[in-house]
Protein backbone atom coordinates (compact mmCIF):
# COMPACT_ATOMS: atom_id res chain seq x y z
CA MET A 1 10.13 -46.11 77.16
CA ALA A 2 11.89 -49.36 78.06
CA THR A 3 13.83 -51.07 75.28
CA TYR A 4 13.27 -54.67 74.31
CA GLU A 5 16.53 -55.64 75.96
CA GLU A 6 15.56 -53.96 79.25
CA GLU A 7 12.21 -55.72 79.20
CA ARG A 8 13.96 -59.01 78.52
CA ILE A 9 16.26 -58.66 81.51
CA GLY A 10 13.36 -57.42 83.63
CA HIS A 11 13.32 -55.54 86.89
CA THR A 12 12.64 -58.45 89.26
CA PRO A 13 15.72 -59.68 91.14
CA TRP A 14 16.51 -63.12 89.79
CA VAL A 15 17.10 -64.46 93.29
CA GLU A 16 13.38 -63.86 93.88
CA LYS A 17 12.24 -64.87 90.41
CA TYR A 18 13.99 -68.24 90.65
CA ARG A 19 13.43 -68.85 94.36
CA PRO A 20 12.12 -72.44 94.86
CA LYS A 21 8.31 -72.56 94.88
CA LYS A 22 8.11 -76.00 96.50
CA LEU A 23 10.38 -78.28 98.51
CA ASP A 24 11.23 -80.46 95.51
CA ASP A 25 12.85 -77.41 93.87
CA VAL A 26 15.36 -76.90 96.71
CA ALA A 27 18.84 -77.86 95.52
CA SER A 28 21.48 -79.87 97.38
CA GLN A 29 19.73 -80.10 100.77
CA GLY A 30 18.39 -83.64 100.49
CA HIS A 31 18.18 -84.54 104.19
CA ALA A 32 16.34 -81.38 105.25
CA VAL A 33 13.92 -81.63 102.33
CA LYS A 34 13.21 -85.32 103.01
CA VAL A 35 12.33 -84.67 106.67
CA LEU A 36 10.24 -81.58 105.92
CA LYS A 37 8.25 -83.39 103.22
CA LYS A 38 7.18 -85.90 105.88
CA THR A 39 5.83 -83.04 107.98
CA LEU A 40 3.64 -82.07 105.03
CA GLU A 41 2.00 -85.48 105.23
CA SER A 42 1.25 -85.25 108.96
CA ALA A 43 1.05 -81.43 109.21
CA ASN A 44 2.73 -81.87 112.61
CA LEU A 45 5.49 -79.27 112.45
CA PRO A 46 7.99 -78.74 115.30
CA HIS A 47 9.80 -75.49 116.05
CA MET A 48 12.75 -75.43 113.66
CA LEU A 49 16.26 -74.05 113.56
CA PHE A 50 17.90 -73.76 110.12
CA TYR A 51 21.62 -73.00 110.20
CA GLY A 52 24.45 -72.88 107.69
CA PRO A 53 26.34 -70.54 105.34
CA PRO A 54 24.48 -67.72 103.53
CA GLY A 55 22.89 -68.42 100.16
CA THR A 56 22.30 -72.13 100.76
CA GLY A 57 18.49 -72.07 100.70
CA LYS A 58 17.49 -71.74 104.36
CA THR A 59 14.89 -69.01 103.87
CA SER A 60 13.75 -70.39 100.52
CA THR A 61 13.13 -73.81 102.08
CA VAL A 62 10.88 -72.60 104.90
CA LEU A 63 8.98 -70.27 102.54
CA ALA A 64 8.37 -73.17 100.15
CA LEU A 65 7.22 -75.30 103.08
CA ALA A 66 4.81 -72.62 104.29
CA LYS A 67 3.32 -72.18 100.81
CA GLN A 68 2.74 -75.91 100.53
CA LEU A 69 1.13 -75.98 103.97
CA TYR A 70 -1.29 -73.09 103.52
CA GLY A 71 -1.60 -72.17 99.86
CA PRO A 72 -1.67 -68.60 98.51
CA ARG A 73 -4.86 -67.43 100.25
CA LEU A 74 -4.03 -68.42 103.82
CA TYR A 75 -0.32 -67.72 103.53
CA LYS A 76 -0.50 -63.98 104.26
CA SER A 77 -2.56 -64.40 107.43
CA ARG A 78 -0.72 -67.48 108.73
CA VAL A 79 2.95 -66.59 108.09
CA LEU A 80 4.99 -63.74 109.59
CA GLU A 81 8.49 -63.22 108.18
CA LEU A 82 10.88 -60.99 110.13
CA ASN A 83 14.57 -60.15 109.85
CA ALA A 84 16.08 -60.02 113.32
CA SER A 85 19.06 -57.96 112.13
CA ASP A 86 16.70 -55.00 111.63
CA GLU A 87 15.55 -55.06 115.26
CA ARG A 88 17.95 -56.96 117.49
CA GLY A 89 16.52 -56.07 120.89
CA ILE A 90 13.79 -57.37 123.11
CA SER A 91 11.18 -54.97 121.68
CA ILE A 92 10.73 -57.08 118.53
CA VAL A 93 9.73 -60.04 120.73
CA ARG A 94 7.41 -58.04 122.97
CA GLN A 95 5.68 -56.28 120.10
CA LYS A 96 5.65 -57.86 116.64
CA ILE A 97 6.31 -61.50 117.53
CA LYS A 98 4.13 -61.75 120.64
CA ASN A 99 1.23 -59.88 119.03
CA PHE A 100 1.22 -62.22 116.04
CA ALA A 101 1.82 -65.37 118.10
CA ARG A 102 -1.18 -64.78 120.39
CA LEU A 103 -3.64 -64.40 117.49
CA THR A 104 -6.08 -67.25 117.02
CA VAL A 105 -6.03 -68.91 113.63
CA SER A 106 -8.91 -68.43 111.24
CA ASN A 107 -10.75 -71.43 109.86
CA PRO A 108 -9.71 -72.42 106.34
CA THR A 109 -12.29 -72.74 103.61
CA SER A 110 -13.31 -76.15 102.32
CA GLU A 111 -11.45 -75.36 99.09
CA ASP A 112 -8.23 -74.64 101.01
CA LEU A 113 -8.63 -77.85 103.01
CA ARG A 114 -9.08 -79.81 99.82
CA ASP A 115 -5.83 -78.55 98.27
CA TYR A 116 -3.55 -77.93 101.28
CA PRO A 117 -2.96 -79.43 104.76
CA CYS A 118 -3.81 -76.09 106.50
CA PRO A 119 -2.68 -77.11 110.03
CA PRO A 120 -4.25 -75.18 112.95
CA TYR A 121 -1.23 -73.00 113.73
CA LYS A 122 0.69 -70.03 112.35
CA ILE A 123 4.38 -69.87 111.44
CA ILE A 124 6.81 -67.13 112.47
CA ILE A 125 10.00 -67.07 110.39
CA LEU A 126 12.83 -65.22 112.11
CA ASP A 127 15.74 -64.66 109.73
CA GLU A 128 19.24 -63.84 111.01
CA ALA A 129 18.18 -64.90 114.51
CA ASP A 130 21.84 -65.08 115.54
CA SER A 131 21.96 -61.27 115.51
CA MET A 132 19.45 -61.06 118.38
CA THR A 133 20.68 -60.13 121.84
CA ASN A 134 20.68 -62.81 124.55
CA ASP A 135 17.87 -61.00 126.37
CA ALA A 136 15.76 -61.01 123.21
CA GLN A 137 16.44 -64.73 122.70
CA SER A 138 15.42 -65.45 126.30
CA ALA A 139 12.18 -63.55 125.79
CA LEU A 140 11.59 -65.44 122.56
CA ARG A 141 11.99 -68.75 124.41
CA ARG A 142 9.19 -67.80 126.79
CA THR A 143 6.97 -66.73 123.89
CA MET A 144 7.58 -70.06 122.15
CA GLU A 145 6.50 -71.92 125.30
CA ASN A 146 3.38 -69.83 125.88
CA TYR A 147 1.99 -69.94 122.34
CA SER A 148 3.18 -73.30 121.00
CA SER A 149 -0.42 -74.49 120.63
CA VAL A 150 -1.18 -71.91 117.93
CA THR A 151 2.25 -70.89 116.62
CA ARG A 152 5.38 -72.58 115.28
CA PHE A 153 8.72 -70.82 114.99
CA CYS A 154 11.46 -71.22 112.39
CA LEU A 155 14.74 -69.60 113.38
CA ILE A 156 17.28 -69.04 110.61
CA CYS A 157 20.92 -68.26 111.29
CA ASN A 158 24.44 -68.58 109.91
CA TYR A 159 26.06 -69.44 113.25
CA ILE A 160 24.24 -71.86 115.54
CA THR A 161 26.72 -71.14 118.35
CA ARG A 162 25.17 -67.67 118.68
CA ILE A 163 21.78 -69.13 119.59
CA ILE A 164 21.38 -69.68 123.34
CA ASP A 165 21.01 -73.32 124.40
CA PRO A 166 17.54 -72.96 126.00
CA LEU A 167 16.24 -71.67 122.66
CA ALA A 168 18.12 -74.10 120.39
CA SER A 169 17.05 -77.10 122.50
CA ARG A 170 13.38 -76.38 121.75
CA CYS A 171 13.91 -76.66 117.99
CA SER A 172 14.53 -79.42 115.49
CA LYS A 173 17.86 -78.52 113.90
CA PHE A 174 18.52 -78.62 110.16
CA ARG A 175 22.03 -78.03 108.84
CA PHE A 176 22.30 -76.46 105.39
CA ARG A 177 25.59 -76.96 103.59
CA SER A 178 27.18 -74.93 100.81
CA LEU A 179 26.08 -76.05 97.37
CA ASP A 180 28.47 -78.35 95.58
CA ASN A 181 29.74 -77.20 92.19
CA GLU A 182 27.54 -79.64 90.26
CA ASN A 183 24.26 -78.41 91.77
CA ALA A 184 25.32 -74.77 91.56
CA MET A 185 26.27 -75.19 87.90
CA SER A 186 22.96 -76.89 87.11
CA ARG A 187 20.94 -74.07 88.70
CA LEU A 188 22.97 -71.34 87.00
CA GLN A 189 22.61 -73.04 83.60
CA TYR A 190 18.85 -73.15 84.14
CA VAL A 191 18.77 -69.39 84.78
CA VAL A 192 21.05 -68.68 81.80
CA GLU A 193 18.77 -70.64 79.46
CA ALA A 194 15.58 -69.14 80.89
CA GLU A 195 16.90 -65.57 80.55
CA ASN A 196 18.80 -66.19 77.30
CA VAL A 197 22.01 -64.73 78.75
CA PRO A 198 24.95 -64.62 76.29
CA LEU A 199 28.15 -66.17 77.68
CA SER A 200 31.60 -66.20 76.12
CA GLY A 201 32.22 -69.78 77.30
CA ASN A 202 31.77 -72.39 80.02
CA ASP A 203 34.47 -70.71 82.09
CA VAL A 204 32.04 -67.89 82.92
CA LEU A 205 29.78 -70.04 85.10
CA GLU A 206 32.83 -71.71 86.63
CA GLU A 207 34.15 -68.27 87.57
CA ILE A 208 30.79 -67.28 89.09
CA ILE A 209 30.81 -70.41 91.26
CA LYS A 210 34.40 -69.75 92.29
CA VAL A 211 33.92 -66.11 93.36
CA SER A 212 30.56 -66.77 95.06
CA GLY A 213 32.05 -69.42 97.37
CA GLY A 214 29.04 -71.75 97.50
CA ASP A 215 26.55 -68.89 97.97
CA LEU A 216 23.92 -69.45 95.27
CA ARG A 217 22.16 -66.17 96.05
CA LYS A 218 25.39 -64.29 95.44
CA ALA A 219 26.08 -66.31 92.28
CA ILE A 220 22.68 -65.50 90.74
CA THR A 221 23.08 -61.83 91.69
CA TYR A 222 26.47 -61.69 89.93
CA LEU A 223 24.91 -63.30 86.85
CA GLN A 224 22.06 -60.78 86.74
CA SER A 225 24.42 -57.83 87.27
CA ALA A 226 26.61 -59.03 84.41
CA ALA A 227 23.55 -59.51 82.18
CA ARG A 228 22.32 -55.98 82.90
CA LEU A 229 25.76 -54.53 82.22
CA SER A 230 26.04 -56.49 78.98
CA VAL A 231 22.72 -55.06 77.78
CA SER A 232 23.60 -51.50 78.77
CA LEU A 233 26.94 -51.63 76.95
CA ASP A 234 26.29 -53.70 73.86
CA ASN A 235 23.62 -56.35 73.46
CA SER A 236 25.89 -58.44 71.22
CA GLU A 237 28.70 -58.55 73.79
CA PRO A 238 28.75 -61.88 75.67
CA ILE A 239 29.58 -62.01 79.36
CA THR A 240 33.20 -62.94 80.09
CA ALA A 241 34.92 -64.38 83.15
CA GLY A 242 36.80 -61.09 83.47
CA ARG A 243 33.51 -59.20 83.67
CA ILE A 244 32.38 -61.49 86.50
CA ARG A 245 35.60 -60.87 88.45
CA GLU A 246 35.11 -57.14 87.97
CA ILE A 247 31.52 -57.25 89.28
CA ALA A 248 32.51 -59.45 92.22
CA GLY A 249 35.28 -57.04 93.18
CA VAL A 250 38.02 -59.63 92.73
CA ILE A 251 41.48 -58.10 92.54
CA ASP A 252 43.49 -58.94 89.44
CA GLU A 253 46.18 -61.55 90.09
CA ALA A 254 48.81 -59.24 88.60
CA LEU A 255 48.13 -56.71 91.37
CA ILE A 256 48.29 -59.44 94.03
CA ASP A 257 51.67 -60.49 92.58
CA LYS A 258 52.84 -56.87 92.76
CA ILE A 259 51.71 -56.58 96.40
CA LEU A 260 53.49 -59.81 97.35
CA ASN A 261 56.71 -58.74 95.63
CA THR A 262 56.59 -55.47 97.55
CA LEU A 263 56.04 -57.31 100.84
CA ARG A 264 59.00 -59.58 100.16
CA SER A 265 61.22 -56.53 99.51
CA LYS A 266 60.76 -55.55 103.20
CA ASP A 267 61.00 -51.89 102.17
CA ASN A 268 58.59 -50.11 104.52
CA LYS A 269 58.33 -47.01 102.34
CA ALA A 270 57.54 -49.10 99.27
CA ILE A 271 54.97 -51.11 101.26
CA ALA A 272 53.26 -47.92 102.48
CA ALA A 273 53.17 -46.59 98.91
CA GLN A 274 51.72 -49.88 97.62
CA VAL A 275 49.01 -49.85 100.29
CA GLU A 276 48.19 -46.23 99.40
CA GLU A 277 47.81 -47.24 95.75
CA VAL A 278 45.48 -50.13 96.62
CA VAL A 279 43.31 -47.89 98.81
CA LEU A 280 43.11 -45.14 96.16
CA GLU A 281 42.01 -47.70 93.57
CA GLY A 282 39.06 -48.51 95.83
CA TRP A 283 39.86 -52.11 96.74
CA SER A 284 38.45 -53.22 100.09
CA ALA A 285 40.87 -54.31 102.79
CA GLN A 286 38.80 -57.46 103.33
CA GLN A 287 39.16 -58.47 99.68
CA VAL A 288 42.92 -57.87 99.79
CA ALA A 289 43.20 -59.95 102.96
CA ASP A 290 41.09 -62.77 101.51
CA GLN A 291 43.16 -63.02 98.34
CA LEU A 292 46.46 -62.78 100.20
CA HIS A 293 45.22 -65.62 102.40
CA ASP A 294 44.38 -67.77 99.36
CA ARG A 295 47.80 -67.17 97.81
CA LEU A 296 50.02 -67.43 100.88
CA ILE A 297 48.42 -70.29 102.79
CA THR A 298 48.54 -72.52 99.69
CA ASP A 299 52.08 -71.46 98.70
CA ASP A 300 54.30 -74.57 98.78
CA GLY A 301 57.36 -72.31 98.94
CA LEU A 302 56.50 -71.12 102.46
CA SER A 303 57.38 -73.04 105.60
CA SER A 304 54.77 -74.19 108.11
CA GLN A 305 56.08 -71.62 110.57
CA GLU A 306 55.60 -68.80 108.05
CA LYS A 307 52.07 -69.98 107.23
CA ASN A 308 51.14 -70.22 110.92
CA SER A 309 52.38 -66.69 111.56
CA ILE A 310 50.57 -65.32 108.52
CA ALA A 311 47.34 -67.12 109.47
CA ARG A 312 47.42 -65.51 112.93
CA ILE A 313 48.06 -62.09 111.38
CA LEU A 314 45.15 -62.52 108.96
CA PHE A 315 42.86 -63.71 111.76
CA GLU A 316 43.59 -60.63 113.87
CA SER A 317 43.18 -58.33 110.86
CA ASP A 318 39.82 -59.91 110.01
CA ARG A 319 38.63 -59.44 113.60
CA ARG A 320 39.58 -55.76 113.60
CA LEU A 321 38.01 -55.10 110.21
CA ASN A 322 34.77 -56.72 111.38
CA HIS A 323 34.78 -54.33 114.33
CA GLY A 324 34.81 -51.36 111.96
CA THR A 325 38.39 -50.10 112.30
CA ASP A 326 39.95 -47.83 109.66
CA GLU A 327 40.63 -49.92 106.53
CA HIS A 328 43.70 -47.97 105.41
CA ILE A 329 45.42 -48.33 108.78
CA GLN A 330 44.52 -52.00 109.08
CA LEU A 331 45.72 -52.77 105.56
CA LEU A 332 49.04 -51.05 106.24
CA ASN A 333 49.38 -52.93 109.53
CA LEU A 334 48.54 -56.21 107.78
CA ALA A 335 51.07 -55.60 105.02
CA LEU A 336 53.90 -54.70 107.40
CA GLN A 337 53.27 -57.72 109.63
CA ILE A 338 53.11 -60.17 106.72
CA SER A 339 56.32 -58.65 105.35
CA GLN A 340 58.04 -59.35 108.68
CA ALA A 341 56.65 -62.91 108.78
CA LEU A 342 58.04 -63.74 105.33
CA GLN A 343 61.58 -65.09 105.67
């Protein structure tokens, strides 16, 4: 049987529980919200392209818009939400998207018309559209043209440069920016108060904002994970900034100092042993690279030439890691190259 504490924390992900229900609830995206609210008045919605960093409210915004357009009863039959990263190829366009797009819209009831605009078209939301192949995007362009009278599309992506021009040019573009610290803090404080989460001090939320890098979804997930861990260990134990760093997988600064001292020693055997230790402790190569970047690029003691060399090394390492190369080998290669770049 669930304890009181478990019931209090609940099983619903907080990112869903506190997802904006209407456009006015969307934080820090004033321009996009202002324009979209005008479409609610006219119900004349264009095809849309939302782009920007993850966790900035792109999906939440279009879902809130759709709910305000159709209401709860029509929503399920009028809105199709797909994640393009699950099916990147042309088959998703030929099957799921085309089949839904060609459907005629049902007539809303008088009650629905009284409470919601209920425009005579459906909405297809395609998340992570930048993961689609070029062939799939070309097929999607043709589908948009053929069924624009009964269907509107909202494409969501992190990188607008990965959307082909013929597709992007058919959409109204909305740029979503990372949340500023003030808005992120306000939203996190709201969740903390609503869930009665014990914190050791104000530095906890500041640490969450820091390690989440403007991604509110990630920030709320860290907060919920810390709250669950606090309950499972000791209900009276408040969440600390150290606990947040642990959950986020942030490497302790003392270990980063140790790594840097080893790199400066230019002892290849010592560097290999240090890399082995980092790998055995389970730290990801990407996290090591990110924190080395933050320390070295902002180090006033390094020359511009050293920083330029290190930046190029980190760029190449990041590219290789994203292509799935062996982390241990890449971390060793990264460490040896940075050691050589340090004068």
